[in-house]
Protein backbone atom coordinates (compact mmCIF):
# COMPACT_ATOMS: atom_id res chain seq x y z
CA MET A 1 -25.65 33.59 -140.74
CA LEU A 2 -29.06 33.41 -142.33
CA ASN A 3 -29.83 30.48 -144.58
CA ALA A 4 -30.97 31.58 -148.02
CA GLU A 5 -33.45 28.70 -148.32
CA ARG A 6 -35.08 29.74 -145.06
CA ILE A 7 -35.31 33.35 -146.23
CA LEU A 8 -36.88 32.26 -149.50
CA LYS A 9 -39.45 30.16 -147.64
CA SER A 10 -40.32 33.13 -145.43
CA PHE A 11 -40.83 35.28 -148.51
CA GLU A 12 -43.07 32.66 -150.11
CA ASP A 13 -45.06 32.15 -146.90
CA ASN A 14 -45.86 35.85 -147.04
CA GLY A 15 -46.92 35.84 -150.67
CA ILE A 16 -43.63 37.09 -152.16
CA SER A 17 -42.82 34.61 -154.94
CA PHE A 18 -41.50 36.65 -157.87
CA PHE A 19 -37.84 37.66 -158.02
CA THR A 20 -35.90 39.79 -160.46
CA GLY A 21 -32.64 41.70 -160.37
CA VAL A 22 -28.96 41.78 -161.25
CA PRO A 23 -26.56 39.34 -159.52
CA ASP A 24 -24.20 40.42 -156.75
CA SER A 25 -21.35 38.50 -155.11
CA GLN A 26 -22.54 39.66 -151.69
CA LEU A 27 -25.90 38.02 -152.48
CA LYS A 28 -24.37 34.89 -154.04
CA ALA A 29 -26.10 32.60 -151.53
CA LEU A 30 -29.51 34.04 -152.39
CA CYS A 31 -28.78 34.09 -156.14
CA ASN A 32 -27.68 30.45 -156.14
CA CYS A 33 -30.73 29.50 -154.10
CA LEU A 34 -32.99 31.24 -156.61
CA MET A 35 -31.27 29.44 -159.49
CA ASN A 36 -31.62 26.02 -157.82
CA THR A 37 -35.23 26.72 -156.82
CA TYR A 38 -36.64 28.50 -159.88
CA GLY A 39 -33.91 28.60 -162.52
CA ILE A 40 -34.76 31.25 -165.12
CA SER A 41 -38.54 31.13 -165.21
CA ASP A 42 -41.75 33.09 -164.76
CA LYS A 43 -40.84 33.33 -161.07
CA HIS A 44 -37.24 34.45 -161.56
CA VAL A 45 -35.90 36.81 -164.23
CA ILE A 46 -32.35 38.20 -164.38
CA ALA A 47 -32.79 41.72 -165.76
CA ALA A 48 -30.42 43.63 -168.04
CA ASN A 49 -30.02 46.33 -165.39
CA GLU A 50 -31.50 47.20 -162.02
CA GLY A 51 -33.87 49.85 -163.38
CA ASN A 52 -35.27 47.28 -165.80
CA ALA A 53 -35.84 44.98 -162.84
CA VAL A 54 -37.91 47.68 -161.10
CA GLY A 55 -40.05 48.13 -164.22
CA LEU A 56 -40.56 44.38 -164.49
CA ALA A 57 -41.50 44.23 -160.81
CA ALA A 58 -44.05 47.02 -161.31
CA GLY A 59 -45.65 45.16 -164.20
CA TYR A 60 -45.78 41.98 -162.13
CA HIS A 61 -47.53 43.77 -159.27
CA MET A 62 -50.12 45.39 -161.51
CA ALA A 63 -50.86 42.06 -163.22
CA THR A 64 -51.12 40.02 -160.01
CA GLY A 65 -51.65 42.39 -157.10
CA LYS A 66 -48.73 40.68 -155.35
CA ILE A 67 -45.47 42.03 -153.93
CA PRO A 68 -42.31 41.49 -156.06
CA CYS A 69 -38.73 41.19 -154.80
CA VAL A 70 -35.84 42.99 -156.53
CA TYR A 71 -32.23 42.06 -155.72
CA LEU A 72 -29.13 44.09 -156.57
CA GLN A 73 -25.69 45.24 -155.50
CA ASN A 74 -25.72 48.72 -153.98
CA SER A 75 -23.71 49.95 -156.99
CA GLY A 76 -26.95 49.50 -158.92
CA ILE A 77 -28.94 51.89 -156.75
CA GLY A 78 -28.23 54.64 -159.26
CA ASN A 79 -30.09 52.63 -161.90
CA ILE A 80 -33.20 52.31 -159.70
CA VAL A 81 -33.47 55.94 -158.54
CA ASN A 82 -35.68 57.10 -161.39
CA PRO A 83 -38.19 54.23 -161.50
CA VAL A 84 -38.42 54.06 -157.70
CA ALA A 85 -38.90 57.82 -157.33
CA SER A 86 -41.16 58.45 -160.32
CA LEU A 87 -43.00 55.13 -160.68
CA LEU A 88 -43.18 53.13 -157.45
CA ASN A 89 -43.32 55.99 -154.96
CA GLU A 90 -46.39 56.33 -152.75
CA ARG A 91 -47.04 59.83 -154.15
CA VAL A 92 -47.12 58.45 -157.68
CA TYR A 93 -48.49 54.93 -158.35
CA GLN A 94 -48.03 53.37 -154.87
CA ILE A 95 -46.46 50.20 -156.25
CA PRO A 96 -44.85 48.07 -153.53
CA ALA A 97 -41.53 46.30 -153.98
CA LEU A 98 -39.22 44.54 -151.56
CA PHE A 99 -35.53 45.13 -152.27
CA VAL A 100 -32.56 42.99 -151.22
CA VAL A 101 -29.36 45.04 -151.56
CA GLY A 102 -25.80 43.77 -151.23
CA TRP A 103 -23.77 46.32 -149.22
CA ARG A 104 -20.37 46.64 -150.89
CA GLY A 105 -18.01 49.29 -149.51
CA GLU A 106 -19.65 49.33 -146.07
CA PRO A 107 -17.80 51.88 -143.89
CA GLY A 108 -15.11 50.13 -141.86
CA VAL A 109 -15.02 47.07 -144.14
CA LYS A 110 -12.11 46.77 -146.59
CA ASP A 111 -13.28 46.80 -150.21
CA GLU A 112 -12.32 47.91 -153.71
CA PRO A 113 -12.10 51.67 -154.44
CA GLN A 114 -15.16 51.77 -156.71
CA HIS A 115 -17.34 50.63 -153.79
CA LEU A 116 -16.14 52.96 -151.03
CA PHE A 117 -18.17 56.12 -151.67
CA GLN A 118 -21.20 54.11 -152.78
CA GLY A 119 -20.96 52.17 -149.54
CA GLU A 120 -20.93 55.35 -147.48
CA ILE A 121 -24.11 56.71 -149.04
CA THR A 122 -26.08 53.47 -149.44
CA ILE A 123 -28.35 53.77 -146.43
CA LYS A 124 -29.00 57.47 -146.99
CA LEU A 125 -29.85 56.91 -150.65
CA LEU A 126 -32.39 54.22 -149.81
CA GLU A 127 -33.89 56.36 -147.06
CA ASP A 128 -34.08 59.34 -149.43
CA LEU A 129 -36.00 57.08 -151.81
CA GLY A 130 -38.56 56.59 -149.06
CA MET A 131 -37.73 53.00 -148.21
CA GLU A 132 -38.07 51.25 -144.87
CA ILE A 133 -34.60 49.82 -144.06
CA GLY A 134 -33.43 46.67 -142.30
CA ILE A 135 -29.81 45.52 -142.07
CA LEU A 136 -28.84 41.83 -142.16
CA ASP A 137 -25.48 40.67 -140.82
CA LYS A 138 -23.80 37.53 -139.44
CA GLU A 139 -25.55 38.00 -136.10
CA THR A 140 -29.09 38.40 -137.47
CA THR A 141 -31.34 35.56 -136.26
CA LEU A 142 -34.27 34.08 -138.13
CA GLU A 143 -36.57 35.56 -135.51
CA THR A 144 -35.14 39.02 -136.09
CA PHE A 145 -35.41 38.58 -139.85
CA ASP A 146 -39.04 37.51 -139.61
CA ALA A 147 -39.79 40.50 -137.36
CA MET A 148 -38.21 42.83 -139.94
CA LEU A 149 -40.25 41.25 -142.71
CA LYS A 150 -43.44 41.60 -140.68
CA ARG A 151 -42.65 45.31 -140.20
CA PHE A 152 -41.90 45.67 -143.91
CA LEU A 153 -45.19 44.08 -144.92
CA LYS A 154 -47.12 46.88 -143.23
CA VAL A 155 -45.29 49.35 -145.47
CA LEU A 156 -45.55 47.19 -148.57
CA ASN A 157 -49.27 46.57 -148.16
CA ARG A 158 -49.97 50.29 -148.26
CA GLY A 159 -47.97 50.71 -151.49
CA GLY A 160 -44.56 51.57 -150.05
CA CYS A 161 -41.12 50.03 -150.55
CA ALA A 162 -38.68 48.39 -148.16
CA ALA A 163 -35.10 47.11 -148.38
CA PHE A 164 -32.99 44.51 -146.66
CA VAL A 165 -29.38 45.74 -146.80
CA VAL A 166 -27.07 42.72 -146.63
CA ARG A 167 -23.66 42.95 -145.03
CA LYS A 168 -20.76 40.73 -146.07
CA GLY A 169 -21.15 37.15 -144.84
CA ALA A 170 -24.77 37.56 -143.70
CA LEU A 171 -26.18 34.82 -145.95
CA GLU A 172 -25.26 31.19 -146.48
CA TYR A 173 -26.32 28.44 -148.84
CA SER A 174 -24.79 24.96 -148.88
CA ARG A 175 -25.85 23.68 -152.31
CA LYS A 176 -23.60 24.42 -155.27
CA VAL A 177 -24.61 25.73 -158.69
CA ARG A 178 -22.45 24.91 -161.70
CA TYR A 179 -22.38 27.60 -164.36
CA GLU A 180 -20.85 26.61 -167.70
CA ASN A 181 -21.23 27.06 -171.44
CA GLN A 182 -19.98 25.33 -174.59
CA ALA A 183 -17.21 27.80 -175.41
CA TRP A 184 -13.51 26.94 -175.25
CA ILE A 185 -11.68 30.26 -175.49
CA LEU A 186 -10.37 31.45 -172.12
CA ARG A 187 -11.13 35.14 -171.65
CA GLU A 188 -7.66 35.88 -170.27
CA GLU A 189 -6.04 34.38 -173.38
CA ALA A 190 -8.38 36.39 -175.60
CA ILE A 191 -7.49 39.59 -173.72
CA ARG A 192 -3.80 38.73 -174.08
CA GLN A 193 -4.27 38.60 -177.84
CA VAL A 194 -6.14 41.91 -177.83
CA ALA A 195 -3.30 43.53 -175.89
CA GLU A 196 -0.78 42.08 -178.34
CA ALA A 197 -2.76 43.30 -181.37
CA ALA A 198 -3.25 46.74 -179.82
CA GLY A 199 0.48 47.28 -179.29
CA GLU A 200 0.82 50.90 -178.16
CA ASP A 201 -2.83 51.73 -178.90
CA VAL A 202 -5.00 52.55 -175.89
CA ILE A 203 -7.46 50.13 -174.32
CA VAL A 204 -10.53 50.87 -172.21
CA SER A 205 -11.54 47.71 -170.35
CA THR A 206 -14.80 46.93 -168.61
CA THR A 207 -15.70 46.31 -164.98
CA GLY A 208 -14.72 43.07 -163.27
CA LYS A 209 -12.37 40.28 -164.18
CA ALA A 210 -11.57 41.60 -167.65
CA SER A 211 -9.76 44.62 -166.20
CA ARG A 212 -8.07 42.48 -163.56
CA GLU A 213 -6.80 40.11 -166.24
CA LEU A 214 -5.57 42.95 -168.45
CA PHE A 215 -3.66 44.41 -165.50
CA GLU A 216 -1.97 41.09 -164.76
CA ILE A 217 -1.12 40.54 -168.44
CA ARG A 218 0.74 43.87 -168.43
CA GLU A 219 2.52 42.88 -165.23
CA ALA A 220 3.55 39.48 -166.65
CA ASN A 221 4.82 41.15 -169.84
CA ARG A 222 6.57 43.87 -167.83
CA GLN A 223 4.67 46.46 -169.80
CA PRO A 224 3.57 49.86 -168.49
CA HIS A 225 -0.09 50.33 -167.56
CA GLN A 226 -0.27 53.70 -169.29
CA TYR A 227 -2.03 52.22 -172.33
CA ASP A 228 -5.05 51.06 -170.34
CA PHE A 229 -8.00 52.66 -168.60
CA LEU A 230 -9.42 50.05 -166.21
CA THR A 231 -13.10 50.80 -165.66
CA VAL A 232 -13.32 49.31 -162.16
CA GLY A 233 -16.83 50.73 -161.55
CA SER A 234 -19.78 52.06 -163.57
CA MET A 235 -20.70 48.76 -165.22
CA GLY A 236 -21.92 49.11 -168.78
CA HIS A 237 -20.23 52.43 -169.52
CA SER A 238 -16.75 51.44 -170.74
CA SER A 239 -17.80 51.59 -174.40
CA MET A 240 -18.97 55.19 -174.02
CA ILE A 241 -15.75 56.09 -172.22
CA ALA A 242 -13.90 54.60 -175.18
CA LEU A 243 -16.12 56.57 -177.57
CA GLY A 244 -15.29 59.79 -175.71
CA VAL A 245 -11.59 59.08 -176.10
CA ALA A 246 -11.91 58.03 -179.75
CA LEU A 247 -13.89 61.09 -180.82
CA ASN A 248 -11.44 63.48 -179.21
CA GLN A 249 -8.26 61.75 -180.35
CA PRO A 250 -9.26 60.73 -183.88
CA GLU A 251 -5.70 59.92 -184.99
CA ARG A 252 -5.29 57.35 -182.22
CA LYS A 253 -6.64 53.79 -182.40
CA VAL A 254 -8.83 53.02 -179.38
CA TRP A 255 -9.85 49.52 -178.25
CA CYS A 256 -12.67 48.70 -175.86
CA ILE A 257 -12.67 45.34 -174.08
CA ASP A 258 -16.28 44.86 -173.01
CA GLY A 259 -18.38 42.09 -171.47
CA ASP A 260 -21.77 40.72 -172.47
CA GLY A 261 -23.42 41.66 -169.17
CA ALA A 262 -22.04 45.18 -169.45
CA VAL A 263 -23.26 45.53 -173.04
CA LEU A 264 -26.74 44.39 -172.00
CA MET A 265 -26.87 46.77 -169.07
CA HIS A 266 -26.78 49.87 -171.27
CA MET A 267 -27.32 48.55 -174.79
CA GLY A 268 -28.28 51.98 -176.09
CA ALA A 269 -24.54 52.71 -176.20
CA LEU A 270 -24.30 50.47 -179.26
CA ALA A 271 -26.78 52.67 -181.12
CA VAL A 272 -24.91 55.86 -180.22
CA ILE A 273 -21.53 54.40 -181.22
CA GLY A 274 -23.00 53.03 -184.44
CA ALA A 275 -24.48 56.42 -185.27
CA LYS A 276 -21.23 58.30 -184.57
CA LYS A 277 -19.12 55.70 -186.41
CA PRO A 278 -15.71 56.70 -185.04
CA ARG A 279 -13.21 55.38 -187.57
CA ASN A 280 -10.64 54.61 -184.87
CA LEU A 281 -12.67 52.48 -182.41
CA ILE A 282 -12.56 48.67 -182.12
CA HIS A 283 -15.23 47.32 -179.77
CA VAL A 284 -14.35 43.81 -178.52
CA VAL A 285 -17.02 41.99 -176.48
CA MET A 286 -16.05 38.94 -174.42
CA ASN A 287 -19.30 36.97 -174.46
CA ASN A 288 -19.56 34.05 -172.04
CA GLY A 289 -23.29 34.48 -171.46
CA ALA A 290 -22.74 35.03 -167.75
CA HIS A 291 -22.33 37.58 -164.96
CA GLU A 292 -19.12 35.75 -164.08
CA THR A 293 -17.46 38.36 -161.87
CA VAL A 294 -20.33 38.18 -159.37
CA GLY A 295 -20.84 34.41 -159.43
CA GLY A 296 -21.71 33.17 -162.91
CA MET A 297 -25.48 33.63 -163.18
CA PRO A 298 -26.54 33.71 -166.85
CA THR A 299 -27.20 36.66 -169.11
CA VAL A 300 -29.40 36.37 -172.20
CA CYS A 301 -26.38 36.88 -174.46
CA GLY A 302 -26.05 33.14 -174.88
CA GLU A 303 -29.40 33.23 -176.70
CA ILE A 304 -29.21 36.42 -178.77
CA ARG A 305 -26.99 37.52 -181.67
CA LEU A 306 -24.91 40.45 -180.56
CA THR A 307 -23.32 40.74 -183.99
CA GLU A 308 -26.68 41.31 -185.66
CA ILE A 309 -27.58 43.91 -183.04
CA ALA A 310 -24.28 45.71 -183.65
CA ARG A 311 -24.80 45.58 -187.39
CA ALA A 312 -28.36 46.95 -187.02
CA CYS A 313 -26.97 49.75 -184.84
CA GLY A 314 -24.65 50.86 -187.63
CA TYR A 315 -21.32 49.12 -186.99
CA PRO A 316 -19.94 48.72 -190.53
CA ALA A 317 -17.62 45.80 -189.74
CA VAL A 318 -18.78 42.94 -187.50
CA TYR A 319 -16.95 39.74 -186.55
CA SER A 320 -17.68 36.76 -184.30
CA VAL A 321 -14.98 34.36 -183.13
CA ASP A 322 -15.42 31.03 -181.33
CA ARG A 323 -11.98 29.48 -181.99
CA LEU A 324 -8.78 30.89 -180.55
CA GLU A 325 -6.78 30.44 -183.75
CA GLU A 326 -9.26 32.74 -185.53
CA LEU A 327 -8.92 35.59 -183.07
CA GLY A 328 -5.48 36.96 -183.95
CA PRO A 329 -6.21 37.34 -187.69
CA VAL A 330 -9.61 38.93 -186.96
CA LEU A 331 -8.05 41.45 -184.57
CA GLU A 332 -5.39 42.35 -187.13
CA GLN A 333 -8.07 42.76 -189.80
CA ALA A 334 -10.13 45.02 -187.52
CA LYS A 335 -7.05 47.08 -186.69
CA GLY A 336 -5.97 47.36 -190.31
CA ARG A 337 -9.23 48.77 -191.61
CA ASP A 338 -10.17 52.44 -191.50
CA GLY A 339 -13.45 52.38 -189.64
CA LEU A 340 -15.47 51.26 -186.62
CA ALA A 341 -15.40 47.52 -185.89
CA PHE A 342 -17.25 45.14 -183.55
CA VAL A 343 -15.64 41.85 -182.51
CA GLU A 344 -17.54 39.28 -180.45
CA VAL A 345 -15.36 36.62 -178.78
CA LYS A 346 -17.27 33.64 -177.41
CA THR A 347 -15.46 32.73 -174.23
CA ALA A 348 -15.73 30.06 -171.55
CA ILE A 349 -16.92 30.74 -168.02
CA GLY A 350 -14.08 30.70 -165.54
CA SER A 351 -10.82 32.35 -164.52
CA ARG A 352 -7.65 31.58 -162.61
CA GLU A 353 -8.22 31.02 -158.90
CA ASP A 354 -5.19 33.20 -158.12
CA LEU A 355 -6.37 36.13 -160.26
CA GLY A 356 -5.33 39.28 -158.45
CA ARG A 357 -6.51 42.87 -158.50
CA PRO A 358 -4.81 46.04 -159.74
CA THR A 359 -2.12 47.21 -157.33
CA THR A 360 -2.31 50.81 -158.54
CA THR A 361 -5.04 53.15 -157.35
CA ALA A 362 -7.87 54.29 -159.59
CA VAL A 363 -6.48 57.84 -159.61
CA GLU A 364 -3.00 56.59 -160.55
CA ASN A 365 -4.55 54.63 -163.42
CA LYS A 366 -6.39 57.70 -164.68
CA GLN A 367 -3.36 59.95 -164.38
CA GLY A 368 -1.05 57.54 -166.21
CA PHE A 369 -3.62 57.03 -168.96
CA MET A 370 -4.16 60.78 -169.43
CA ALA A 371 -0.43 61.43 -169.50
CA TYR A 372 -0.03 58.86 -172.25
CA LEU A 373 -2.89 60.38 -174.23
CA LYS A 374 -1.27 63.81 -173.98
CA GLY A 375 2.08 62.40 -175.06
């Protein structure tokens, strides 16, 4: 395995000292190394989404003349397609950027369903974007890595882009990073209260641990999963999925369990929902100020006021809860009113170590949810 500190030193030795991106569990070693080395600073910025990171990298290059590094999970490639193709590309502005991409869903490696197709097309997508490609795995030596980087620099110095694609287990980092906040509400307990308040209403839950916890709550309660659409992929889009359901089934109450990182990723959804004002939608955001599902690196939601943003976007009823005993009454109030509501729940970072994953397939989840909607 390659040591993340050694990789970072090699980058710095070659003039690459600015890093931006969106965290990935496959890149946890590198992400933790960046946090211990730079924290959140002028040299390291966690972006709202991967496309934002590319824009930030472009601005950095034009201001300094240096090569930036952008890190991401391969599920975020879709967010970089436009800025890479229409901004960085050698036929446009010739802005160089080095990418480090976590390879989830690699063919032949067991993974979750949302990663499988993305994993199959990862290399082709990057090649179609005109990038020079190098693959890192458990067997990659430092000498091989340095040779790849030397090859990449020839491309980067002429205004091209290159990408290290990182297989599972390729990177290591021995130092720990502790991610925590001052909140006390456990997200799983908050989701349990949402499920209780929702009753037989439908719930659209966001990517990551929130959907996993909702699934296990239903299992523990011996409830059917027909009420829930678990958005296992497409981070940042669960609120728009919920809007689509709410607008087309106006007599049915629809709940969205969202996360702060997901809200940040495509914040324009708040403006669209606020403008449409569906009277039957309750948008609940679990805000722990962290990308917890992929390791715990911070989001900026610990420093901004989501409730004021929601209010400015047109949500007529806005609540914020930081004590568990307040949550139940707030959820009942939101459910009882006739109109769109936004509920922020300030939650702690952390989850059960034995938290499982849905045992039904994505298609089974969709089919059960649609059958319930029709009924």
